[in-house]
Amino acid sequence: HKDIPSATEGFVSLKRKLFPNTQRQQYLDSILPEIKGSDVRK
């Protein structure tokens, strides 16, 4: 549980970098859009 903040930060940063269309005005809101396997395969 004490590693959740750094894991969340890393996940959001990676998601925003690889899938810029998931970015939201509030940083943590970028977690909400789901990435599907078909998105990854593109």
Full PDB file with SEQRES, HELIX, SHEET, SSBOND, CRYST1, ORIGX, SCALE, CONECT and MASTER records, all heavy atoms in Angstrom:
SEQRES   1 A   42  HIS LYS ASP ILE PRO SER ALA THR GLU GLY PHE VAL SER          
SEQRES   2 A   42  LEU LYS ARG LYS LEU PHE PRO ASN THR GLN ARG GLN GLN          
SEQRES   3 A   42  TYR LEU ASP SER ILE LEU PRO GLU ILE LYS GLY SER ASP          
SEQRES   4 A   42  VAL ARG LYS                                                  
HELIX    1 AA1 ILE A    4  LEU A   18  1                                  15    
HELIX    2 AA2 PRO A   20  THR A   22  5                                   3    
HELIX    3 AA3 TYR A   27  ILE A   31  5                                   5    
HELIX    4 AA4 GLY A   37  ARG A   41  1                                   5    
CRYST1    1.000    1.000    1.000  90.00  90.00  90.00 P 1           1          
ORIGX1      1.000000  0.000000  0.000000        0.00000                         
ORIGX2      0.000000  1.000000  0.000000        0.00000                         
ORIGX3      0.000000  0.000000  1.000000        0.00000                         
SCALE1      1.000000  0.000000  0.000000        0.00000                         
SCALE2      0.000000  1.000000  0.000000        0.00000                         
SCALE3      0.000000  0.000000  1.000000        0.00000                         
ATOM      1  N   HIS A   1       0.811  -1.219   0.000  1.00  0.00           N  
ATOM      2  CA  HIS A   1       0.000   0.000   0.000  1.00  0.00           C  
ATOM      3  C   HIS A   1       0.843   1.268   0.000  1.00  0.00           C  
ATOM      4  O   HIS A   1       0.457   2.270  -0.577  1.00  0.00           O  
ATOM      5  CB  HIS A   1      -0.971   0.006   1.187  1.00  0.00           C  
ATOM      6  CG  HIS A   1      -0.336   0.311   2.505  1.00  0.00           C  
ATOM      7  ND1 HIS A   1       0.388  -0.629   3.206  1.00  0.00           N  
ATOM      8  CD2 HIS A   1      -0.307   1.452   3.225  1.00  0.00           C  
ATOM      9  CE1 HIS A   1       0.828  -0.064   4.319  1.00  0.00           C  
ATOM     10  NE2 HIS A   1       0.424   1.192   4.353  1.00  0.00           N  
ATOM     11  N   LYS A   2       2.017   1.237   0.578  1.00  0.00           N  
ATOM     12  CA  LYS A   2       2.836   2.456   0.620  1.00  0.00           C  
ATOM     13  C   LYS A   2       3.486   2.762  -0.734  1.00  0.00           C  
ATOM     14  O   LYS A   2       3.965   3.860  -0.960  1.00  0.00           O  
ATOM     15  CB  LYS A   2       3.882   2.374   1.722  1.00  0.00           C  
ATOM     16  CG  LYS A   2       4.907   1.303   1.547  1.00  0.00           C  
ATOM     17  CD  LYS A   2       5.879   1.301   2.730  1.00  0.00           C  
ATOM     18  CE  LYS A   2       6.836   0.153   2.577  1.00  0.00           C  
ATOM     19  NZ  LYS A   2       6.647  -0.928   3.496  1.00  0.00           N  
ATOM     20  N   ASP A   3       3.469   1.794  -1.669  1.00  0.00           N  
ATOM     21  CA  ASP A   3       4.024   2.005  -3.003  1.00  0.00           C  
ATOM     22  C   ASP A   3       2.969   2.456  -4.011  1.00  0.00           C  
ATOM     23  O   ASP A   3       3.299   2.739  -5.170  1.00  0.00           O  
ATOM     24  CB  ASP A   3       4.694   0.725  -3.507  1.00  0.00           C  
ATOM     25  CG  ASP A   3       5.899   0.343  -2.677  1.00  0.00           C  
ATOM     26  OD1 ASP A   3       6.599   1.256  -2.202  1.00  0.00           O  
ATOM     27  OD2 ASP A   3       6.133  -0.872  -2.487  1.00  0.00           O  
ATOM     28  N   ILE A   4       1.716   2.528  -3.608  1.00  0.00           N  
ATOM     29  CA  ILE A   4       0.644   2.902  -4.526  1.00  0.00           C  
ATOM     30  C   ILE A   4       0.836   4.307  -5.115  1.00  0.00           C  
ATOM     31  O   ILE A   4       0.663   4.481  -6.324  1.00  0.00           O  
ATOM     32  CB  ILE A   4      -0.735   2.728  -3.875  1.00  0.00           C  
ATOM     33  CG1 ILE A   4      -1.021   1.227  -3.746  1.00  0.00           C  
ATOM     34  CG2 ILE A   4      -1.836   3.413  -4.680  1.00  0.00           C  
ATOM     35  CD1 ILE A   4      -2.310   0.887  -3.063  1.00  0.00           C  
ATOM     36  N   PRO A   5       1.194   5.329  -4.332  1.00  0.00           N  
ATOM     37  CA  PRO A   5       1.370   6.659  -4.947  1.00  0.00           C  
ATOM     38  C   PRO A   5       2.421   6.684  -6.069  1.00  0.00           C  
ATOM     39  O   PRO A   5       2.164   7.240  -7.138  1.00  0.00           O  
ATOM     40  CB  PRO A   5       1.786   7.552  -3.773  1.00  0.00           C  
ATOM     41  CG  PRO A   5       1.191   6.875  -2.576  1.00  0.00           C  
ATOM     42  CD  PRO A   5       1.314   5.400  -2.863  1.00  0.00           C  
ATOM     43  N   SER A   6       3.570   6.058  -5.871  1.00  0.00           N  
ATOM     44  CA  SER A   6       4.595   6.080  -6.919  1.00  0.00           C  
ATOM     45  C   SER A   6       4.195   5.205  -8.107  1.00  0.00           C  
ATOM     46  O   SER A   6       4.474   5.549  -9.262  1.00  0.00           O  
ATOM     47  CB  SER A   6       5.960   5.658  -6.371  1.00  0.00           C  
ATOM     48  OG  SER A   6       5.929   4.332  -5.904  1.00  0.00           O  
ATOM     49  N   ALA A   7       3.514   4.087  -7.858  1.00  0.00           N  
ATOM     50  CA  ALA A   7       3.043   3.246  -8.958  1.00  0.00           C  
ATOM     51  C   ALA A   7       1.975   3.982  -9.772  1.00  0.00           C  
ATOM     52  O   ALA A   7       1.969   3.913 -11.006  1.00  0.00           O  
ATOM     53  CB  ALA A   7       2.483   1.934  -8.420  1.00  0.00           C  
ATOM     54  N   THR A   8       1.101   4.701  -9.107  1.00  0.00           N  
ATOM     55  CA  THR A   8       0.068   5.483  -9.788  1.00  0.00           C  
ATOM     56  C   THR A   8       0.700   6.571 -10.636  1.00  0.00           C  
ATOM     57  O   THR A   8       0.324   6.772 -11.795  1.00  0.00           O  
ATOM     58  CB  THR A   8      -0.909   6.101  -8.762  1.00  0.00           C  
ATOM     59  OG1 THR A   8      -1.498   5.048  -7.994  1.00  0.00           O  
ATOM     60  CG2 THR A   8      -1.992   6.912  -9.450  1.00  0.00           C  
ATOM     61  N   GLU A   9       1.675   7.269 -10.088  1.00  0.00           N  
ATOM     62  CA  GLU A   9       2.388   8.323 -10.820  1.00  0.00           C  
ATOM     63  C   GLU A   9       3.042   7.752 -12.080  1.00  0.00           C  
ATOM     64  O   GLU A   9       2.921   8.314 -13.171  1.00  0.00           O  
ATOM     65  CB  GLU A   9       3.448   8.958  -9.923  1.00  0.00           C  
ATOM     66  CG  GLU A   9       4.357   9.938 -10.622  1.00  0.00           C  
ATOM     67  CD  GLU A   9       3.685  11.245 -10.961  1.00  0.00           C  
ATOM     68  OE1 GLU A   9       2.720  11.614 -10.274  1.00  0.00           O  
ATOM     69  OE2 GLU A   9       4.138  11.896 -11.914  1.00  0.00           O  
ATOM     70  N   GLY A  10       3.710   6.628 -11.953  1.00  0.00           N  
ATOM     71  CA  GLY A  10       4.355   5.992 -13.096  1.00  0.00           C  
ATOM     72  C   GLY A  10       3.356   5.547 -14.147  1.00  0.00           C  
ATOM     73  O   GLY A  10       3.577   5.727 -15.352  1.00  0.00           O  
ATOM     74  N   PHE A  11       2.240   4.965 -13.702  1.00  0.00           N  
ATOM     75  CA  PHE A  11       1.201   4.500 -14.623  1.00  0.00           C  
ATOM     76  C   PHE A  11       0.597   5.656 -15.398  1.00  0.00           C  
ATOM     77  O   PHE A  11       0.468   5.606 -16.626  1.00  0.00           O  
ATOM     78  CB  PHE A  11       0.117   3.747 -13.844  1.00  0.00           C  
ATOM     79  CG  PHE A  11      -1.076   3.390 -14.685  1.00  0.00           C  
ATOM     80  CD1 PHE A  11      -1.009   2.362 -15.606  1.00  0.00           C  
ATOM     81  CD2 PHE A  11      -2.260   4.084 -14.553  1.00  0.00           C  
ATOM     82  CE1 PHE A  11      -2.106   2.037 -16.396  1.00  0.00           C  
ATOM     83  CE2 PHE A  11      -3.362   3.767 -15.329  1.00  0.00           C  
ATOM     84  CZ  PHE A  11      -3.279   2.738 -16.254  1.00  0.00           C  
ATOM     85  N   VAL A  12       0.225   6.727 -14.692  1.00  0.00           N  
ATOM     86  CA  VAL A  12      -0.401   7.873 -15.359  1.00  0.00           C  
ATOM     87  C   VAL A  12       0.582   8.532 -16.333  1.00  0.00           C  
ATOM     88  O   VAL A  12       0.215   8.872 -17.459  1.00  0.00           O  
ATOM     89  CB  VAL A  12      -0.942   8.892 -14.334  1.00  0.00           C  
ATOM     90  CG1 VAL A  12      -1.411  10.165 -15.015  1.00  0.00           C  
ATOM     91  CG2 VAL A  12      -2.077   8.286 -13.533  1.00  0.00           C  
ATOM     92  N   SER A  13       1.835   8.673 -15.926  1.00  0.00           N  
ATOM     93  CA  SER A  13       2.838   9.280 -16.807  1.00  0.00           C  
ATOM     94  C   SER A  13       3.022   8.453 -18.079  1.00  0.00           C  
ATOM     95  O   SER A  13       3.085   9.012 -19.182  1.00  0.00           O  
ATOM     96  CB  SER A  13       4.179   9.417 -16.080  1.00  0.00           C  
ATOM     97  OG  SER A  13       4.067  10.316 -15.015  1.00  0.00           O  
ATOM     98  N   LEU A  14       3.117   7.137 -17.937  1.00  0.00           N  
ATOM     99  CA  LEU A  14       3.291   6.265 -19.095  1.00  0.00           C  
ATOM    100  C   LEU A  14       2.060   6.306 -19.996  1.00  0.00           C  
ATOM    101  O   LEU A  14       2.169   6.391 -21.225  1.00  0.00           O  
ATOM    102  CB  LEU A  14       3.562   4.837 -18.630  1.00  0.00           C  
ATOM    103  CG  LEU A  14       3.853   3.821 -19.721  1.00  0.00           C  
ATOM    104  CD1 LEU A  14       5.127   4.191 -20.474  1.00  0.00           C  
ATOM    105  CD2 LEU A  14       3.989   2.429 -19.114  1.00  0.00           C  
ATOM    106  N   LYS A  15       0.876   6.270 -19.404  1.00  0.00           N  
ATOM    107  CA  LYS A  15      -0.364   6.294 -20.187  1.00  0.00           C  
ATOM    108  C   LYS A  15      -0.490   7.604 -20.955  1.00  0.00           C  
ATOM    109  O   LYS A  15      -0.845   7.605 -22.132  1.00  0.00           O  
ATOM    110  CB  LYS A  15      -1.562   6.106 -19.253  1.00  0.00           C  
ATOM    111  CG  LYS A  15      -2.880   5.969 -19.987  1.00  0.00           C  
ATOM    112  CD  LYS A  15      -3.983   5.616 -19.008  1.00  0.00           C  
ATOM    113  CE  LYS A  15      -5.308   5.474 -19.701  1.00  0.00           C  
ATOM    114  NZ  LYS A  15      -6.391   5.184 -18.765  1.00  0.00           N  
ATOM    115  N   ARG A  16      -0.163   8.731 -20.315  1.00  0.00           N  
ATOM    116  CA  ARG A  16      -0.250  10.030 -20.983  1.00  0.00           C  
ATOM    117  C   ARG A  16       0.779  10.150 -22.105  1.00  0.00           C  
ATOM    118  O   ARG A  16       0.527  10.803 -23.111  1.00  0.00           O  
ATOM    119  CB  ARG A  16      -0.087  11.146 -19.964  1.00  0.00           C  
ATOM    120  CG  ARG A  16      -1.300  11.285 -19.050  1.00  0.00           C  
ATOM    121  CD  ARG A  16      -1.049  12.218 -17.888  1.00  0.00           C  
ATOM    122  NE  ARG A  16      -0.749  13.557 -18.303  1.00  0.00           N  
ATOM    123  CZ  ARG A  16      -1.586  14.597 -18.209  1.00  0.00           C  
ATOM    124  NH1 ARG A  16      -2.783  14.396 -17.693  1.00  0.00           N  
ATOM    125  NH2 ARG A  16      -1.233  15.777 -18.599  1.00  0.00           N  
ATOM    126  N   LYS A  17       1.928   9.506 -21.937  1.00  0.00           N  
ATOM    127  CA  LYS A  17       2.968   9.548 -22.961  1.00  0.00           C  
ATOM    128  C   LYS A  17       2.582   8.686 -24.169  1.00  0.00           C  
ATOM    129  O   LYS A  17       2.703   9.121 -25.320  1.00  0.00           O  
ATOM    130  CB  LYS A  17       4.291   9.061 -22.376  1.00  0.00           C  
ATOM    131  CG  LYS A  17       5.420   9.001 -23.378  1.00  0.00           C  
ATOM    132  CD  LYS A  17       6.685   8.480 -22.737  1.00  0.00           C  
ATOM    133  CE  LYS A  17       7.784   8.328 -23.765  1.00  0.00           C  
ATOM    134  NZ  LYS A  17       8.999   7.753 -23.175  1.00  0.00           N  
ATOM    135  N   LEU A  18       2.131   7.454 -23.921  1.00  0.00           N  
ATOM    136  CA  LEU A  18       1.840   6.521 -25.003  1.00  0.00           C  
ATOM    137  C   LEU A  18       0.469   6.739 -25.644  1.00  0.00           C  
ATOM    138  O   LEU A  18       0.262   6.394 -26.801  1.00  0.00           O  
ATOM    139  CB  LEU A  18       1.952   5.080 -24.498  1.00  0.00           C  
ATOM    140  CG  LEU A  18       3.337   4.659 -24.004  1.00  0.00           C  
ATOM    141  CD1 LEU A  18       3.307   3.243 -23.464  1.00  0.00           C  
ATOM    142  CD2 LEU A  18       4.375   4.796 -25.114  1.00  0.00           C  
ATOM    143  N   PHE A  19      -0.474   7.265 -24.873  1.00  0.00           N  
ATOM    144  CA  PHE A  19      -1.833   7.503 -25.360  1.00  0.00           C  
ATOM    145  C   PHE A  19      -2.238   8.938 -25.019  1.00  0.00           C  
ATOM    146  O   PHE A  19      -3.037   9.168 -24.117  1.00  0.00           O  
ATOM    147  CB  PHE A  19      -2.811   6.508 -24.735  1.00  0.00           C  
ATOM    148  CG  PHE A  19      -2.503   5.079 -25.087  1.00  0.00           C  
ATOM    149  CD1 PHE A  19      -1.742   4.299 -24.239  1.00  0.00           C  
ATOM    150  CD2 PHE A  19      -2.953   4.531 -26.268  1.00  0.00           C  
ATOM    151  CE1 PHE A  19      -1.434   2.989 -24.567  1.00  0.00           C  
ATOM    152  CE2 PHE A  19      -2.667   3.224 -26.612  1.00  0.00           C  
ATOM    153  CZ  PHE A  19      -1.900   2.449 -25.758  1.00  0.00           C  
ATOM    154  N   PRO A  20      -1.678   9.923 -25.735  1.00  0.00           N  
ATOM    155  CA  PRO A  20      -1.929  11.331 -25.395  1.00  0.00           C  
ATOM    156  C   PRO A  20      -3.401  11.732 -25.444  1.00  0.00           C  
ATOM    157  O   PRO A  20      -3.800  12.684 -24.774  1.00  0.00           O  
ATOM    158  CB  PRO A  20      -1.113  12.116 -26.415  1.00  0.00           C  
ATOM    159  CG  PRO A  20      -0.571  11.149 -27.393  1.00  0.00           C  
ATOM    160  CD  PRO A  20      -0.793   9.771 -26.862  1.00  0.00           C  
ATOM    161  N   ASN A  21      -4.216  11.007 -26.203  1.00  0.00           N  
ATOM    162  CA  ASN A  21      -5.647  11.343 -26.266  1.00  0.00           C  
ATOM    163  C   ASN A  21      -6.381  11.002 -24.979  1.00  0.00           C  
ATOM    164  O   ASN A  21      -7.549  11.343 -24.827  1.00  0.00           O  
ATOM    165  CB  ASN A  21      -6.313  10.646 -27.455  1.00  0.00           C  
ATOM    166  CG  ASN A  21      -6.219   9.139 -27.370  1.00  0.00           C  
ATOM    167  OD1 ASN A  21      -5.256   8.599 -26.826  1.00  0.00           O  
ATOM    168  ND2 ASN A  21      -7.193   8.449 -27.910  1.00  0.00           N  
ATOM    169  N   THR A  22      -5.731  10.334 -24.022  1.00  0.00           N  
ATOM    170  CA  THR A  22      -6.372  10.026 -22.733  1.00  0.00           C  
ATOM    171  C   THR A  22      -6.123  11.128 -21.705  1.00  0.00           C  
ATOM    172  O   THR A  22      -6.642  11.058 -20.596  1.00  0.00           O  
ATOM    173  CB  THR A  22      -5.857   8.696 -22.150  1.00  0.00           C  
ATOM    174  OG1 THR A  22      -4.463   8.810 -21.864  1.00  0.00           O  
ATOM    175  CG2 THR A  22      -6.112   7.547 -23.109  1.00  0.00           C  
ATOM    176  N   GLN A  23      -5.339  12.127 -22.064  1.00  0.00           N  
ATOM    177  CA  GLN A  23      -5.017  13.191 -21.107  1.00  0.00           C  
ATOM    178  C   GLN A  23      -6.267  13.986 -20.750  1.00  0.00           C  
ATOM    179  O   GLN A  23      -7.090  14.282 -21.602  1.00  0.00           O  
ATOM    180  CB  GLN A  23      -3.952  14.116 -21.680  1.00  0.00           C  
ATOM    181  CG  GLN A  23      -2.612  13.455 -21.813  1.00  0.00           C  
ATOM    182  CD  GLN A  23      -1.528  14.422 -22.243  1.00  0.00           C  
ATOM    183  OE1 GLN A  23      -1.628  15.606 -22.034  1.00  0.00           O  
ATOM    184  NE2 GLN A  23      -0.489  13.884 -22.850  1.00  0.00           N  
ATOM    185  N   ARG A  24      -6.371  14.314 -19.497  1.00  0.00           N  
ATOM    186  CA  ARG A  24      -7.479  15.112 -18.983  1.00  0.00           C  
ATOM    187  C   ARG A  24      -6.899  16.318 -18.258  1.00  0.00           C  
ATOM    188  O   ARG A  24      -5.723  16.345 -17.900  1.00  0.00           O  
ATOM    189  CB  ARG A  24      -8.336  14.291 -18.011  1.00  0.00           C  
ATOM    190  CG  ARG A  24      -8.985  13.058 -18.645  1.00  0.00           C  
ATOM    191  CD  ARG A  24      -9.992  13.491 -19.706  1.00  0.00           C  
ATOM    192  NE  ARG A  24     -10.711  12.376 -20.271  1.00  0.00           N  
ATOM    193  CZ  ARG A  24     -10.428  11.804 -21.428  1.00  0.00           C  
ATOM    194  NH1 ARG A  24      -9.390  12.204 -22.141  1.00  0.00           N  
ATOM    195  NH2 ARG A  24     -11.161  10.821 -21.890  1.00  0.00           N  
ATOM    196  N   GLN A  25      -7.748  17.306 -18.021  1.00  0.00           N  
ATOM    197  CA  GLN A  25      -7.285  18.526 -17.365  1.00  0.00           C  
ATOM    198  C   GLN A  25      -6.730  18.213 -15.973  1.00  0.00           C  
ATOM    199  O   GLN A  25      -5.667  18.690 -15.598  1.00  0.00           O  
ATOM    200  CB  GLN A  25      -8.421  19.539 -17.276  1.00  0.00           C  
ATOM    201  CG  GLN A  25      -7.960  20.890 -16.782  1.00  0.00           C  
ATOM    202  CD  GLN A  25      -9.054  21.936 -16.892  1.00  0.00           C  
ATOM    203  OE1 GLN A  25     -10.213  21.619 -17.133  1.00  0.00           O  
ATOM    204  NE2 GLN A  25      -8.688  23.175 -16.719  1.00  0.00           N  
ATOM    205  N   GLN A  26      -7.441  17.409 -15.204  1.00  0.00           N  
ATOM    206  CA  GLN A  26      -6.954  16.981 -13.904  1.00  0.00           C  
ATOM    207  C   GLN A  26      -6.077  15.750 -14.116  1.00  0.00           C  
ATOM    208  O   GLN A  26      -6.505  14.775 -14.737  1.00  0.00           O  
ATOM    209  CB  GLN A  26      -8.118  16.647 -12.965  1.00  0.00           C  
ATOM    210  CG  GLN A  26      -8.998  17.834 -12.637  1.00  0.00           C  
ATOM    211  CD  GLN A  26      -8.263  18.889 -11.835  1.00  0.00           C  
ATOM    212  OE1 GLN A  26      -7.441  18.586 -10.975  1.00  0.00           O  
ATOM    213  NE2 GLN A  26      -8.541  20.147 -12.133  1.00  0.00           N  
ATOM    214  N   TYR A  27      -4.852  15.782 -13.615  1.00  0.00           N  
ATOM    215  CA  TYR A  27      -3.856  14.752 -13.883  1.00  0.00           C  
ATOM    216  C   TYR A  27      -4.370  13.339 -13.618  1.00  0.00           C  
ATOM    217  O   TYR A  27      -4.277  12.471 -14.477  1.00  0.00           O  
ATOM    218  CB  TYR A  27      -2.603  15.034 -13.038  1.00  0.00           C  
ATOM    219  CG  TYR A  27      -1.461  14.106 -13.313  1.00  0.00           C  
ATOM    220  CD1 TYR A  27      -0.713  14.226 -14.468  1.00  0.00           C  
ATOM    221  CD2 TYR A  27      -1.111  13.112 -12.410  1.00  0.00           C  
ATOM    222  CE1 TYR A  27       0.347  13.378 -14.724  1.00  0.00           C  
ATOM    223  CE2 TYR A  27      -0.050  12.261 -12.652  1.00  0.00           C  
ATOM    224  CZ  TYR A  27       0.674  12.404 -13.812  1.00  0.00           C  
ATOM    225  OH  TYR A  27       1.722  11.564 -14.067  1.00  0.00           O  
ATOM    226  N   LEU A  28      -4.934  13.103 -12.443  1.00  0.00           N  
ATOM    227  CA  LEU A  28      -5.383  11.749 -12.100  1.00  0.00           C  
ATOM    228  C   LEU A  28      -6.611  11.306 -12.888  1.00  0.00           C  
ATOM    229  O   LEU A  28      -6.882  10.114 -12.998  1.00  0.00           O  
ATOM    230  CB  LEU A  28      -5.646  11.622 -10.602  1.00  0.00           C  
ATOM    231  CG  LEU A  28      -4.396  11.601  -9.725  1.00  0.00           C  
ATOM    232  CD1 LEU A  28      -4.782  11.525  -8.253  1.00  0.00           C  
ATOM    233  CD2 LEU A  28      -3.480  10.447 -10.088  1.00  0.00           C  
ATOM    234  N   ASP A  29      -7.340  12.243 -13.494  1.00  0.00           N  
ATOM    235  CA  ASP A  29      -8.479  11.866 -14.332  1.00  0.00           C  
ATOM    236  C   ASP A  29      -8.033  11.127 -15.591  1.00  0.00           C  
ATOM    237  O   ASP A  29      -8.842  10.476 -16.253  1.00  0.00           O  
ATOM    238  CB  ASP A  29      -9.303  13.092 -14.720  1.00  0.00           C  
ATOM    239  CG  ASP A  29     -10.142  13.623 -13.565  1.00  0.00           C  
ATOM    240  OD1 ASP A  29     -10.268  12.901 -12.543  1.00  0.00           O  
ATOM    241  OD2 ASP A  29     -10.649  14.747 -13.665  1.00  0.00           O  
ATOM    242  N   SER A  30      -6.737  11.190 -15.917  1.00  0.00           N  
ATOM    243  CA  SER A  30      -6.208  10.463 -17.070  1.00  0.00           C  
ATOM    244  C   SER A  30      -6.273   8.955 -16.858  1.00  0.00           C  
ATOM    245  O   SER A  30      -6.116   8.180 -17.804  1.00  0.00           O  
ATOM    246  CB  SER A  30      -4.766  10.879 -17.357  1.00  0.00           C  
ATOM    247  OG  SER A  30      -4.718  12.234 -17.741  1.00  0.00           O  
ATOM    248  N   ILE A  31      -6.503   8.515 -15.632  1.00  0.00           N  
ATOM    249  CA  ILE A  31      -6.664   7.090 -15.346  1.00  0.00           C  
ATOM    250  C   ILE A  31      -7.977   6.567 -15.930  1.00  0.00           C  
ATOM    251  O   ILE A  31      -8.065   5.412 -16.354  1.00  0.00           O  
ATOM    252  CB  ILE A  31      -6.642   6.835 -13.813  1.00  0.00           C  
ATOM    253  CG1 ILE A  31      -5.248   7.073 -13.269  1.00  0.00           C  
ATOM    254  CG2 ILE A  31      -7.129   5.444 -13.473  1.00  0.00           C  
ATOM    255  CD1 ILE A  31      -5.160   6.971 -11.762  1.00  0.00           C  
ATOM    256  N   LEU A  32      -8.994   7.401 -15.990  1.00  0.00           N  
ATOM    257  CA  LEU A  32     -10.354   6.953 -16.310  1.00  0.00           C  
ATOM    258  C   LEU A  32     -10.549   6.368 -17.705  1.00  0.00           C  
ATOM    259  O   LEU A  32     -11.216   5.337 -17.831  1.00  0.00           O  
ATOM    260  CB  LEU A  32     -11.336   8.103 -16.075  1.00  0.00           C  
ATOM    261  CG  LEU A  32     -11.396   8.603 -14.620  1.00  0.00           C  
ATOM    262  CD1 LEU A  32     -12.315   9.811 -14.519  1.00  0.00           C  
ATOM    263  CD2 LEU A  32     -11.833   7.495 -13.685  1.00  0.00           C  
ATOM    264  N   PRO A  33     -10.022   6.978 -18.790  1.00  0.00           N  
ATOM    265  CA  PRO A  33     -10.246   6.357 -20.104  1.00  0.00           C  
ATOM    266  C   PRO A  33      -9.573   4.974 -20.197  1.00  0.00           C  
ATOM    267  O   PRO A  33      -8.410   4.813 -19.867  1.00  0.00           O  
ATOM    268  CB  PRO A  33      -9.589   7.332 -21.090  1.00  0.00           C  
ATOM    269  CG  PRO A  33      -9.454   8.607 -20.348  1.00  0.00           C  
ATOM    270  CD  PRO A  33      -9.308   8.235 -18.909  1.00  0.00           C  
ATOM    271  N   GLU A  34     -10.339   3.989 -20.645  1.00  0.00           N  
ATOM    272  CA  GLU A  34      -9.836   2.634 -20.727  1.00  0.00           C  
ATOM    273  C   GLU A  34      -9.081   2.432 -22.030  1.00  0.00           C  
ATOM    274  O   GLU A  34      -9.486   2.889 -23.089  1.00  0.00           O  
ATOM    275  CB  GLU A  34     -11.008   1.649 -20.640  1.00  0.00           C  
ATOM    276  CG  GLU A  34     -10.578   0.221 -20.528  1.00  0.00           C  
ATOM    277  CD  GLU A  34     -11.744  -0.725 -20.288  1.00  0.00           C  
ATOM    278  OE1 GLU A  34     -12.902  -0.270 -20.230  1.00  0.00           O  
ATOM    279  OE2 GLU A  34     -11.496  -1.925 -20.154  1.00  0.00           O  
ATOM    280  N   ILE A  35      -7.950   1.738 -21.948  1.00  0.00           N  
ATOM    281  CA  ILE A  35      -7.160   1.378 -23.126  1.00  0.00           C  
ATOM    282  C   ILE A  35      -7.507  -0.074 -23.470  1.00  0.00           C  
ATOM    283  O   ILE A  35      -7.336  -0.969 -22.653  1.00  0.00           O  
ATOM    284  CB  ILE A  35      -5.642   1.501 -22.860  1.00  0.00           C  
ATOM    285  CG1 ILE A  35      -5.289   2.912 -22.398  1.00  0.00           C  
ATOM    286  CG2 ILE A  35      -4.855   1.099 -24.096  1.00  0.00           C  
ATOM    287  CD1 ILE A  35      -5.540   3.992 -23.389  1.00  0.00           C  
ATOM    288  N   LYS A  36      -8.002  -0.307 -24.653  1.00  0.00           N  
ATOM    289  CA  LYS A  36      -8.377  -1.636 -25.102  1.00  0.00           C  
ATOM    290  C   LYS A  36      -7.204  -2.305 -25.817  1.00  0.00           C  
ATOM    291  O   LYS A  36      -6.289  -1.634 -26.300  1.00  0.00           O  
ATOM    292  CB  LYS A  36      -9.575  -1.563 -26.055  1.00  0.00           C  
ATOM    293  CG  LYS A  36     -10.838  -1.060 -25.398  1.00  0.00           C  
ATOM    294  CD  LYS A  36     -11.321  -2.081 -24.409  1.00  0.00           C  
ATOM    295  CE  LYS A  36     -12.715  -1.778 -23.906  1.00  0.00           C  
ATOM    296  NZ  LYS A  36     -13.161  -2.753 -22.955  1.00  0.00           N  
ATOM    297  N   GLY A  37      -7.245  -3.611 -25.913  1.00  0.00           N  
ATOM    298  CA  GLY A  37      -6.201  -4.353 -26.614  1.00  0.00           C  
ATOM    299  C   GLY A  37      -6.053  -3.926 -28.054  1.00  0.00           C  
ATOM    300  O   GLY A  37      -4.953  -3.865 -28.601  1.00  0.00           O  
ATOM    301  N   SER A  38      -7.178  -3.574 -28.701  1.00  0.00           N  
ATOM    302  CA  SER A  38      -7.101  -3.120 -30.096  1.00  0.00           C  
ATOM    303  C   SER A  38      -6.351  -1.797 -30.196  1.00  0.00           C  
ATOM    304  O   SER A  38      -5.676  -1.538 -31.181  1.00  0.00           O  
ATOM    305  CB  SER A  38      -8.500  -2.992 -30.684  1.00  0.00           C  
ATOM    306  OG  SER A  38      -9.282  -2.089 -29.933  1.00  0.00           O  
ATOM    307  N   ASP A  39      -6.425  -0.957 -29.147  1.00  0.00           N  
ATOM    308  CA  ASP A  39      -5.647   0.293 -29.119  1.00  0.00           C  
ATOM    309  C   ASP A  39      -4.159  -0.003 -29.041  1.00  0.00           C  
ATOM    310  O   ASP A  39      -3.351   0.635 -29.708  1.00  0.00           O  
ATOM    311  CB  ASP A  39      -6.051   1.164 -27.920  1.00  0.00           C  
ATOM    312  CG  ASP A  39      -7.498   1.581 -27.946  1.00  0.00           C  
ATOM    313  OD1 ASP A  39      -8.016   1.844 -29.053  1.00  0.00           O  
ATOM    314  OD2 ASP A  39      -8.118   1.649 -26.868  1.00  0.00           O  
ATOM    315  N   VAL A  40      -3.801  -0.976 -28.228  1.00  0.00           N  
ATOM    316  CA  VAL A  40      -2.394  -1.345 -28.055  1.00  0.00           C  
ATOM    317  C   VAL A  40      -1.838  -1.956 -29.340  1.00  0.00           C  
ATOM    318  O   VAL A  40      -0.718  -1.666 -29.747  1.00  0.00           O  
ATOM    319  CB  VAL A  40      -2.221  -2.327 -26.868  1.00  0.00           C  
ATOM    320  CG1 VAL A  40      -0.799  -2.820 -26.765  1.00  0.00           C  
ATOM    321  CG2 VAL A  40      -2.660  -1.657 -25.565  1.00  0.00           C  
ATOM    322  N   ARG A  41      -2.653  -2.778 -29.999  1.00  0.00           N  
ATOM    323  CA  ARG A  41      -2.192  -3.425 -31.233  1.00  0.00           C  
ATOM    324  C   ARG A  41      -1.973  -2.438 -32.367  1.00  0.00           C  
ATOM    325  O   ARG A  41      -1.219  -2.710 -33.287  1.00  0.00           O  
ATOM    326  CB  ARG A  41      -3.197  -4.497 -31.673  1.00  0.00           C  
ATOM    327  CG  ARG A  41      -3.220  -5.684 -30.753  1.00  0.00           C  
ATOM    328  CD  ARG A  41      -4.039  -6.822 -31.281  1.00  0.00           C  
ATOM    329  NE  ARG A  41      -5.188  -6.414 -32.072  1.00  0.00           N  
ATOM    330  CZ  ARG A  41      -6.297  -7.109 -32.197  1.00  0.00           C  
ATOM    331  NH1 ARG A  41      -6.420  -8.256 -31.573  1.00  0.00           N  
ATOM    332  NH2 ARG A  41      -7.293  -6.689 -32.930  1.00  0.00           N  
ATOM    333  N   LYS A  42      -2.641  -1.285 -32.344  1.00  0.00           N  
ATOM    334  CA  LYS A  42      -2.463  -0.278 -33.393  1.00  0.00           C  
ATOM    335  C   LYS A  42      -1.053   0.237 -33.341  1.00  0.00           C  
ATOM    336  O   LYS A  42      -0.457   0.702 -34.194  1.00  0.00           O  
ATOM    337  CB  LYS A  42      -3.453   0.864 -33.233  1.00  0.00           C  
ATOM    338  CG  LYS A  42      -4.873   0.484 -33.530  1.00  0.00           C  
ATOM    339  CD  LYS A  42      -5.786   1.650 -33.287  1.00  0.00           C  
ATOM    340  CE  LYS A  42      -7.232   1.244 -33.363  1.00  0.00           C  
ATOM    341  NZ  LYS A  42      -8.141   2.299 -32.976  1.00  0.00           N  
TER     342      LYS A  42                                                      
MASTER        0    0    0    4    0    0    0    6  341    1    0    4          
END                                                                             
